[in-house]
Amino acid sequence: MRTVQDIIDSKQDAFNTIELSAMVIDALKMLNQVNLSYLVVKDNEEFKGLFCERDYSRNVVLKGRSSRTTNVGEVMTTDLPTVSLTDTIAECMNLMNIHKTRYLLVYDGQDFKGVVTIHDLLRQVLASSESLFDQSVTKILIDNDEGRIF
């Protein structure tokens, strides 16, 4: 069974980090540059939260704040569910569903290891379904008396 460790191992080293004190406008520019939906917010290399497109729309735009004068630390998300490296893909999907979130924070004890996104889980599900699909097609071919797919 696939685990969070498998997802973390398959990801590149994090390049989507921003400092807690950075202005939201800079975070938006970085989101555009890295072509991702979130940034890992750090303060002197210590994990503090995530900044995502949803934070911008809900905590800046809808509250009438300026992206040029608001820092990331004021609007970032800090209360995301956490998972460990040994949690399964199914457990992650369940947590995302329960908490209605797109991100899970990964910890190994007290050490922040990364982020699992809804897209990471979708890739895992699609990869698994391909093998299931291949097995079912093989079974149809074996079970078909004439050796052809109907």
Protein backbone atom coordinates (compact mmCIF):
# COMPACT_ATOMS: atom_id res chain seq x y z
CA MET A 1 0.00 0.00 0.00
CA ARG A 2 1.33 3.44 -0.99
CA THR A 3 2.20 5.85 1.81
CA VAL A 4 2.98 9.51 2.35
CA GLN A 5 6.67 8.56 2.26
CA ASP A 6 6.19 7.43 -1.37
CA ILE A 7 4.73 10.82 -2.28
CA ILE A 8 7.44 12.79 -0.49
CA ASP A 9 10.15 10.64 -2.14
CA SER A 10 8.68 11.32 -5.58
CA LYS A 11 8.63 15.11 -5.13
CA GLN A 12 11.45 17.47 -5.97
CA ASP A 13 13.15 19.37 -3.18
CA ALA A 14 11.01 22.31 -2.12
CA PHE A 15 11.69 25.43 -4.14
CA ASN A 16 8.39 27.09 -3.34
CA THR A 17 9.25 28.71 -0.04
CA ILE A 18 8.78 32.29 1.10
CA GLU A 19 9.62 34.20 4.25
CA LEU A 20 6.93 35.02 6.78
CA SER A 21 7.62 38.75 6.42
CA ALA A 22 7.36 38.84 2.61
CA MET A 23 4.65 40.99 1.07
CA VAL A 24 1.66 39.23 -0.47
CA ILE A 25 2.42 40.80 -3.87
CA ASP A 26 5.80 39.03 -3.82
CA ALA A 27 4.13 35.76 -2.87
CA LEU A 28 1.72 36.13 -5.80
CA LYS A 29 4.61 36.73 -8.17
CA MET A 30 6.37 33.66 -6.82
CA LEU A 31 3.22 31.53 -7.19
CA ASN A 32 3.13 32.57 -10.82
CA GLN A 33 6.84 31.81 -11.31
CA VAL A 34 6.78 28.34 -9.76
CA ASN A 35 3.39 27.51 -11.30
CA LEU A 36 2.08 25.99 -8.08
CA SER A 37 -0.96 26.76 -5.96
CA TYR A 38 0.87 27.16 -2.64
CA LEU A 39 4.05 28.38 -0.99
CA VAL A 40 5.65 27.02 2.16
CA VAL A 41 6.02 29.91 4.61
CA LYS A 42 9.13 29.89 6.77
CA ASP A 43 10.72 32.12 9.35
CA ASN A 44 14.49 31.57 9.47
CA GLU A 45 14.09 28.10 7.92
CA GLU A 46 11.40 27.09 10.42
CA PHE A 47 8.02 26.08 8.95
CA LYS A 48 5.22 28.49 9.87
CA GLY A 49 2.35 27.81 7.45
CA LEU A 50 1.19 27.79 3.84
CA PHE A 51 0.19 30.63 1.59
CA CYS A 52 -2.12 29.69 -1.25
CA GLU A 53 -4.40 31.27 -3.81
CA ARG A 54 -7.35 30.75 -1.48
CA ASP A 55 -5.58 32.76 1.26
CA TYR A 56 -5.18 35.63 -1.18
CA SER A 57 -8.80 35.64 -2.30
CA ARG A 58 -10.33 35.19 1.16
CA ASN A 59 -7.92 37.07 3.40
CA VAL A 60 -6.71 39.87 1.14
CA VAL A 61 -9.19 40.61 -1.65
CA LEU A 62 -12.43 39.93 0.22
CA LYS A 63 -11.21 41.80 3.30
CA GLY A 64 -10.14 44.87 1.32
CA ARG A 65 -6.45 44.53 2.12
CA SER A 66 -3.63 45.53 -0.18
CA SER A 67 -1.23 42.89 -1.45
CA ARG A 68 1.51 45.54 -1.40
CA THR A 69 1.18 46.34 2.31
CA THR A 70 0.04 43.01 3.77
CA ASN A 71 2.65 40.44 4.68
CA VAL A 72 2.24 36.72 4.11
CA GLY A 73 2.31 35.97 7.84
CA GLU A 74 -0.92 37.95 8.32
CA VAL A 75 -2.96 35.92 5.84
CA MET A 76 -1.36 32.46 5.59
CA THR A 77 -3.02 29.21 6.64
CA THR A 78 -1.66 27.61 9.81
CA ASP A 79 -4.32 25.15 10.92
CA LEU A 80 -4.00 22.37 8.33
CA PRO A 81 -4.31 18.69 9.23
CA THR A 82 -1.08 16.76 9.60
CA VAL A 83 0.02 13.30 8.50
CA SER A 84 3.06 11.15 9.12
CA LEU A 85 5.29 9.43 6.60
CA THR A 86 3.63 6.07 7.31
CA ASP A 87 0.04 7.21 6.67
CA THR A 88 -1.62 5.70 3.60
CA ILE A 89 -3.04 7.43 0.56
CA ALA A 90 -6.53 6.38 1.68
CA GLU A 91 -5.99 7.97 5.10
CA CYS A 92 -4.86 11.18 3.42
CA MET A 93 -7.90 11.24 1.15
CA ASN A 94 -10.16 10.74 4.16
CA LEU A 95 -8.48 13.60 6.08
CA MET A 96 -8.78 15.97 3.13
CA ASN A 97 -12.44 15.10 2.79
CA ILE A 98 -13.19 15.53 6.50
CA HIS A 99 -11.33 18.85 6.77
CA LYS A 100 -12.33 20.08 3.30
CA THR A 101 -8.77 21.07 2.44
CA ARG A 102 -6.43 20.67 -0.50
CA TYR A 103 -3.25 20.34 1.56
CA LEU A 104 -1.88 18.14 4.34
CA LEU A 105 1.28 18.90 6.28
CA VAL A 106 3.75 16.03 6.59
CA TYR A 107 5.74 15.57 9.78
CA ASP A 108 8.23 12.98 10.92
CA GLY A 109 7.92 13.46 14.66
CA GLN A 110 8.52 17.19 15.12
CA ASP A 111 10.29 17.64 11.77
CA PHE A 112 8.36 19.23 8.90
CA LYS A 113 8.91 17.10 5.79
CA GLY A 114 6.65 18.67 3.20
CA VAL A 115 3.14 19.00 1.86
CA VAL A 116 0.79 16.46 0.32
CA THR A 117 -1.65 18.08 -2.09
CA ILE A 118 -4.91 16.91 -3.55
CA HIS A 119 -3.04 16.69 -6.86
CA ASP A 120 -0.46 14.33 -5.33
CA LEU A 121 -3.26 12.04 -4.19
CA LEU A 122 -5.02 12.22 -7.54
CA ARG A 123 -1.79 11.16 -9.29
CA GLN A 124 -1.52 8.18 -6.93
CA VAL A 125 -5.13 7.16 -7.53
CA LEU A 126 -4.74 7.44 -11.30
CA ALA A 127 -1.54 5.40 -11.23
CA SER A 128 -3.30 2.70 -9.20
CA SER A 129 -6.35 2.69 -11.45
CA GLU A 130 -4.16 2.17 -14.51
CA SER A 131 -2.82 -1.06 -13.07
CA LEU A 132 -6.34 -2.12 -12.06
CA PHE A 133 -7.58 -1.30 -15.55
CA ASP A 134 -4.74 -3.30 -17.13
CA GLN A 135 -5.59 -6.29 -14.89
CA SER A 136 -9.29 -6.14 -15.78
CA VAL A 137 -8.56 -5.96 -19.52
CA THR A 138 -6.22 -8.94 -19.17
CA LYS A 139 -8.96 -10.88 -17.35
CA ILE A 140 -11.48 -10.06 -20.10
CA LEU A 141 -9.03 -11.29 -22.72
CA ILE A 142 -8.38 -14.51 -20.80
CA ASP A 143 -12.04 -15.13 -20.05
CA ASN A 144 -13.20 -14.43 -23.61
CA ASP A 145 -13.58 -17.79 -25.39
CA GLU A 146 -12.70 -16.39 -28.78
CA GLY A 147 -9.71 -14.35 -27.59
CA ARG A 148 -11.15 -10.98 -28.61
CA ILE A 149 -12.54 -8.03 -26.74
CA PHE A 150 -16.24 -7.54 -27.32
